[in-house]
N, C-alpha and C. Protein backbone atom coordinates (compact mmCIF):
# COMPACT_ATOMS: atom_id res chain seq x y z
N UNK A 1 42.67 -173.09 -90.17
CA UNK A 1 41.96 -172.71 -89.08
C UNK A 1 40.52 -173.06 -89.00
N UNK A 2 40.06 -173.56 -90.41
CA UNK A 2 38.77 -174.18 -90.39
C UNK A 2 37.59 -173.01 -90.77
N UNK A 3 38.27 -171.83 -91.17
CA UNK A 3 37.29 -170.86 -91.60
C UNK A 3 37.24 -170.70 -93.11
N UNK A 4 36.23 -170.36 -93.85
CA UNK A 4 36.15 -170.29 -95.22
C UNK A 4 37.36 -169.18 -95.70
N UNK A 5 37.79 -169.55 -97.00
CA UNK A 5 38.96 -168.84 -97.52
C UNK A 5 38.80 -167.14 -97.54
N UNK A 6 37.68 -166.80 -97.82
CA UNK A 6 37.36 -165.49 -98.15
C UNK A 6 37.12 -164.54 -96.74
N UNK A 7 37.00 -165.34 -95.64
CA UNK A 7 36.58 -164.63 -94.24
C UNK A 7 37.88 -163.67 -93.79
N UNK A 8 39.05 -163.89 -94.04
CA UNK A 8 40.12 -163.09 -93.67
C UNK A 8 39.96 -161.74 -94.52
N UNK A 9 39.73 -161.77 -95.76
CA UNK A 9 39.52 -160.55 -96.50
C UNK A 9 38.45 -159.94 -96.33
N UNK A 10 37.42 -160.68 -95.93
CA UNK A 10 36.05 -159.88 -95.54
C UNK A 10 36.17 -159.25 -94.11
N UNK A 11 36.87 -160.02 -93.24
CA UNK A 11 37.09 -159.34 -91.93
C UNK A 11 37.81 -158.03 -92.16
N UNK A 12 38.89 -158.05 -92.64
CA UNK A 12 39.76 -156.80 -92.82
C UNK A 12 39.12 -155.59 -93.55
N UNK A 13 38.39 -156.00 -94.59
CA UNK A 13 37.61 -154.95 -95.29
C UNK A 13 36.49 -154.24 -94.34
N UNK A 14 35.69 -155.15 -93.67
CA UNK A 14 34.91 -154.61 -92.85
C UNK A 14 35.31 -153.80 -91.68
N UNK A 15 36.53 -154.23 -91.12
CA UNK A 15 37.23 -153.51 -90.09
C UNK A 15 37.56 -152.10 -90.46
N UNK A 16 38.35 -151.99 -91.58
CA UNK A 16 38.82 -150.78 -92.10
C UNK A 16 37.70 -149.97 -92.59
N UNK A 17 36.58 -150.53 -93.20
CA UNK A 17 35.50 -149.64 -93.43
C UNK A 17 34.74 -149.03 -92.29
N UNK A 18 34.74 -149.91 -91.24
CA UNK A 18 34.04 -149.36 -89.95
C UNK A 18 34.92 -148.26 -89.30
N UNK A 19 36.20 -148.47 -89.37
CA UNK A 19 37.26 -147.62 -88.82
C UNK A 19 37.05 -146.28 -89.46
N UNK A 20 36.96 -146.42 -90.88
CA UNK A 20 36.77 -145.08 -91.80
C UNK A 20 35.54 -144.40 -91.25
N UNK A 21 34.38 -145.13 -91.14
CA UNK A 21 33.02 -144.68 -91.10
C UNK A 21 33.00 -143.92 -89.64
N UNK A 22 33.28 -144.41 -88.65
CA UNK A 22 33.27 -143.92 -87.24
C UNK A 22 34.27 -142.76 -87.10
N UNK A 23 35.50 -142.87 -87.80
CA UNK A 23 36.42 -141.85 -87.71
C UNK A 23 35.85 -140.54 -88.67
N UNK A 24 35.08 -140.99 -89.63
CA UNK A 24 34.55 -139.87 -90.29
C UNK A 24 33.30 -139.06 -89.48
N UNK A 25 32.48 -139.98 -88.94
CA UNK A 25 31.46 -139.51 -87.89
C UNK A 25 31.92 -138.60 -87.02
N UNK A 26 33.19 -138.89 -86.42
CA UNK A 26 33.63 -137.97 -85.29
C UNK A 26 34.22 -136.66 -85.86
N UNK A 27 34.76 -136.75 -86.95
CA UNK A 27 35.41 -135.47 -87.53
C UNK A 27 34.68 -134.70 -88.37
N UNK A 28 33.76 -135.11 -89.08
CA UNK A 28 33.12 -134.53 -90.13
C UNK A 28 32.60 -132.97 -89.86
N UNK A 29 31.78 -132.87 -88.82
CA UNK A 29 31.11 -131.68 -88.39
C UNK A 29 32.20 -130.73 -87.87
N UNK A 30 33.08 -131.32 -87.16
CA UNK A 30 34.22 -130.53 -86.43
C UNK A 30 34.96 -129.74 -87.76
N UNK A 31 35.22 -130.57 -88.75
CA UNK A 31 35.91 -130.06 -89.91
C UNK A 31 35.15 -128.94 -90.53
N UNK A 32 34.02 -129.20 -90.76
CA UNK A 32 33.19 -128.46 -91.63
C UNK A 32 32.84 -126.89 -90.89
N UNK A 33 32.64 -127.07 -89.48
CA UNK A 33 32.54 -125.70 -88.91
C UNK A 33 33.73 -124.98 -88.45
N UNK A 34 34.87 -125.61 -88.75
CA UNK A 34 36.00 -124.86 -88.34
C UNK A 34 36.31 -123.71 -89.40
N UNK A 35 37.17 -122.80 -88.86
CA UNK A 35 37.36 -121.71 -89.81
C UNK A 35 38.24 -121.88 -90.84
N UNK A 36 38.33 -121.08 -91.96
CA UNK A 36 39.07 -121.46 -93.02
C UNK A 36 40.77 -121.35 -92.52
N UNK A 37 41.13 -120.61 -91.59
CA UNK A 37 42.30 -120.31 -91.08
C UNK A 37 42.82 -121.74 -90.43
N UNK A 38 41.88 -122.26 -89.74
CA UNK A 38 42.22 -123.56 -89.19
C UNK A 38 42.17 -124.80 -90.16
N UNK A 39 41.91 -124.67 -91.25
CA UNK A 39 41.92 -125.75 -92.24
C UNK A 39 40.56 -126.12 -92.64
N UNK A 40 39.52 -125.62 -91.98
CA UNK A 40 38.12 -126.19 -92.07
C UNK A 40 37.35 -125.40 -93.33
N UNK A 41 36.11 -125.48 -93.42
CA UNK A 41 35.35 -124.81 -94.40
C UNK A 41 34.54 -123.62 -93.92
N UNK A 42 34.47 -123.53 -92.76
CA UNK A 42 33.74 -122.39 -92.14
C UNK A 42 32.19 -122.29 -92.51
N UNK A 43 31.74 -123.58 -92.45
CA UNK A 43 30.28 -123.55 -92.54
C UNK A 43 29.46 -123.44 -91.48
N UNK A 44 28.14 -123.07 -91.48
CA UNK A 44 27.40 -122.81 -90.46
C UNK A 44 27.16 -124.22 -89.78
N UNK A 45 26.84 -124.23 -88.38
CA UNK A 45 26.49 -125.29 -87.85
C UNK A 45 25.27 -126.11 -88.31
N UNK A 46 24.28 -125.40 -88.74
CA UNK A 46 23.24 -125.91 -89.35
C UNK A 46 23.41 -126.67 -90.68
N UNK A 47 24.17 -126.28 -91.49
CA UNK A 47 24.68 -126.79 -92.86
C UNK A 47 25.45 -128.02 -92.53
N UNK A 48 26.43 -127.85 -91.60
CA UNK A 48 27.25 -129.02 -91.22
C UNK A 48 26.42 -130.03 -90.76
N UNK A 49 25.42 -130.05 -89.84
CA UNK A 49 24.61 -130.92 -89.31
C UNK A 49 23.83 -131.49 -90.41
N UNK A 50 23.16 -130.93 -91.48
CA UNK A 50 22.49 -131.34 -92.49
C UNK A 50 23.24 -132.33 -93.29
N UNK A 51 24.73 -132.01 -93.70
CA UNK A 51 25.51 -132.86 -94.36
C UNK A 51 25.71 -134.17 -93.47
N UNK A 52 25.90 -133.93 -92.29
CA UNK A 52 26.22 -135.06 -91.38
C UNK A 52 24.91 -136.08 -91.50
N UNK A 53 23.81 -135.55 -91.31
CA UNK A 53 22.55 -136.30 -91.42
C UNK A 53 22.32 -137.03 -92.76
N UNK A 54 22.71 -136.38 -93.90
CA UNK A 54 22.75 -136.96 -95.06
C UNK A 54 23.56 -138.00 -95.43
N UNK A 55 25.05 -137.92 -94.78
CA UNK A 55 25.99 -138.90 -94.90
C UNK A 55 25.48 -140.03 -94.01
N UNK A 56 25.04 -139.90 -92.87
CA UNK A 56 24.75 -140.96 -92.04
C UNK A 56 23.57 -141.78 -92.64
N UNK A 57 22.48 -141.05 -93.04
CA UNK A 57 21.17 -141.56 -93.76
C UNK A 57 21.67 -142.37 -95.06
N UNK A 58 22.62 -141.91 -95.82
CA UNK A 58 22.98 -142.70 -96.97
C UNK A 58 23.88 -143.75 -96.55
N UNK A 59 24.50 -143.84 -95.59
CA UNK A 59 25.20 -144.95 -95.06
C UNK A 59 24.34 -146.31 -94.76
N UNK A 60 23.18 -145.82 -94.17
CA UNK A 60 22.35 -146.93 -94.04
C UNK A 60 21.29 -147.18 -95.08
N UNK A 61 21.04 -146.45 -96.04
CA UNK A 61 20.19 -146.61 -97.20
C UNK A 61 20.72 -147.19 -98.43
N UNK A 62 22.00 -146.91 -98.50
CA UNK A 62 22.65 -147.57 -99.87
C UNK A 62 22.66 -148.95 -99.81
N UNK A 63 23.00 -149.54 -98.48
CA UNK A 63 22.99 -151.09 -98.65
C UNK A 63 21.86 -151.64 -99.17
N UNK A 64 20.54 -151.03 -98.92
CA UNK A 64 19.25 -151.55 -99.50
C UNK A 64 19.36 -151.43 -100.91
N UNK A 65 19.93 -150.28 -101.47
CA UNK A 65 19.92 -150.24 -102.96
C UNK A 65 20.76 -151.20 -103.64
N UNK A 66 22.05 -151.34 -102.85
CA UNK A 66 22.93 -152.28 -103.27
C UNK A 66 22.60 -153.67 -103.29
N UNK A 67 21.91 -154.18 -102.40
CA UNK A 67 21.08 -155.58 -102.38
C UNK A 67 20.16 -155.66 -103.44
N UNK A 68 19.47 -154.68 -103.78
CA UNK A 68 18.43 -154.66 -104.89
C UNK A 68 19.33 -154.79 -106.07
N UNK A 69 20.47 -153.95 -106.39
CA UNK A 69 21.11 -154.30 -107.54
C UNK A 69 21.73 -155.48 -107.74
N UNK A 70 22.26 -156.15 -106.67
CA UNK A 70 22.91 -157.27 -106.58
C UNK A 70 21.87 -158.50 -106.86
N UNK A 71 20.71 -158.45 -106.37
CA UNK A 71 19.56 -159.58 -106.61
C UNK A 71 19.23 -159.39 -108.00
N UNK A 72 18.91 -158.02 -108.55
CA UNK A 72 18.16 -157.89 -109.81
C UNK A 72 18.93 -157.67 -110.97
N UNK A 73 20.13 -157.19 -110.88
CA UNK A 73 20.92 -156.66 -112.22
C UNK A 73 22.46 -157.21 -112.10
N UNK A 74 23.25 -157.06 -111.12
CA UNK A 74 24.62 -157.25 -111.41
C UNK A 74 25.14 -158.56 -110.69
N UNK A 75 24.34 -159.08 -109.98
CA UNK A 75 24.99 -160.30 -109.24
C UNK A 75 25.79 -159.78 -108.11
N UNK A 76 25.91 -160.76 -106.99
CA UNK A 76 26.60 -160.43 -105.92
C UNK A 76 28.21 -160.04 -106.09
N UNK A 77 28.88 -160.87 -107.02
CA UNK A 77 30.21 -160.55 -106.98
C UNK A 77 30.54 -159.16 -107.85
N UNK A 78 29.85 -158.86 -108.79
CA UNK A 78 30.11 -157.68 -109.60
C UNK A 78 29.60 -156.44 -108.43
N UNK A 79 28.55 -156.61 -107.69
CA UNK A 79 28.13 -155.58 -106.86
C UNK A 79 29.17 -155.31 -105.80
N UNK A 80 29.80 -156.29 -105.24
CA UNK A 80 31.02 -156.16 -104.33
C UNK A 80 32.16 -155.39 -105.01
N UNK A 81 32.41 -155.77 -106.30
CA UNK A 81 33.50 -155.12 -106.99
C UNK A 81 33.11 -153.50 -107.09
N UNK A 82 31.91 -153.26 -107.50
CA UNK A 82 31.61 -151.87 -107.74
C UNK A 82 31.40 -151.06 -106.35
N UNK A 83 30.98 -151.86 -105.35
CA UNK A 83 30.97 -151.21 -103.93
C UNK A 83 32.48 -150.84 -103.36
N UNK A 84 33.37 -152.00 -103.62
CA UNK A 84 34.77 -151.54 -103.25
C UNK A 84 35.39 -150.47 -104.01
N UNK A 85 34.95 -150.40 -105.25
CA UNK A 85 35.59 -149.51 -106.28
C UNK A 85 35.04 -148.03 -105.77
N UNK A 86 33.83 -148.00 -105.42
CA UNK A 86 33.15 -146.58 -105.12
C UNK A 86 33.72 -146.26 -103.56
N UNK A 87 34.11 -147.22 -102.73
CA UNK A 87 34.57 -146.98 -101.54
C UNK A 87 36.11 -146.33 -101.75
N UNK A 88 36.75 -147.03 -102.46
CA UNK A 88 38.16 -146.68 -102.79
C UNK A 88 38.16 -145.20 -103.25
N UNK A 89 37.56 -144.88 -104.22
CA UNK A 89 37.25 -143.64 -104.73
C UNK A 89 36.95 -142.46 -103.64
N UNK A 90 35.90 -142.93 -102.84
CA UNK A 90 35.40 -141.99 -101.61
C UNK A 90 36.76 -141.88 -100.79
N UNK A 91 37.48 -142.70 -100.34
CA UNK A 91 38.70 -142.60 -99.38
C UNK A 91 39.74 -141.88 -100.03
N UNK A 92 39.90 -142.10 -101.36
CA UNK A 92 40.99 -141.42 -102.00
C UNK A 92 40.78 -139.88 -102.38
N UNK A 93 39.34 -139.72 -102.44
CA UNK A 93 38.74 -138.30 -102.38
C UNK A 93 39.14 -137.47 -101.23
N UNK A 94 38.89 -138.21 -99.92
CA UNK A 94 39.27 -137.60 -98.74
C UNK A 94 40.71 -137.11 -98.58
N UNK A 95 41.64 -137.65 -99.19
CA UNK A 95 43.00 -137.51 -99.01
C UNK A 95 43.54 -136.51 -99.82
N UNK A 96 42.63 -135.88 -100.77
CA UNK A 96 43.00 -134.76 -101.72
C UNK A 96 42.73 -133.48 -100.98
N UNK A 97 43.66 -132.39 -101.40
CA UNK A 97 43.40 -131.14 -100.98
C UNK A 97 42.34 -130.62 -101.52
N UNK A 98 41.68 -129.72 -100.80
CA UNK A 98 40.41 -128.83 -101.38
C UNK A 98 40.81 -127.65 -101.88
C-alpha cells in the first residue's frame, strides 16, 4: 500500500490505547463512587475526582518523561518496549478482581 511496514502496528496500538483511555475516563469516577453492593468502591465524590485528575494529568505528563528517557538514556526502541510493557501490566491489572 506504500506505507511503512510498522504503520499498521502503530495504528492499531494507538487505536486500542485511545479506546482504553477514553473508556477509562468515562467509567472511572462512576466505578469509584458506586457503593460496595453495586461493585464499586464507595469513595467520596471528591476523592474520586482527585484520582481522576491525577490519572488524566499523568496521561499528559508521562509522555514528556518518556521522551526524556528515550533521548537521554534508553533509546527509542527500548523506551517503546518499556512503555508497552507498562501498558500491558496496567491493562491486565484492571482485569483482576479487587
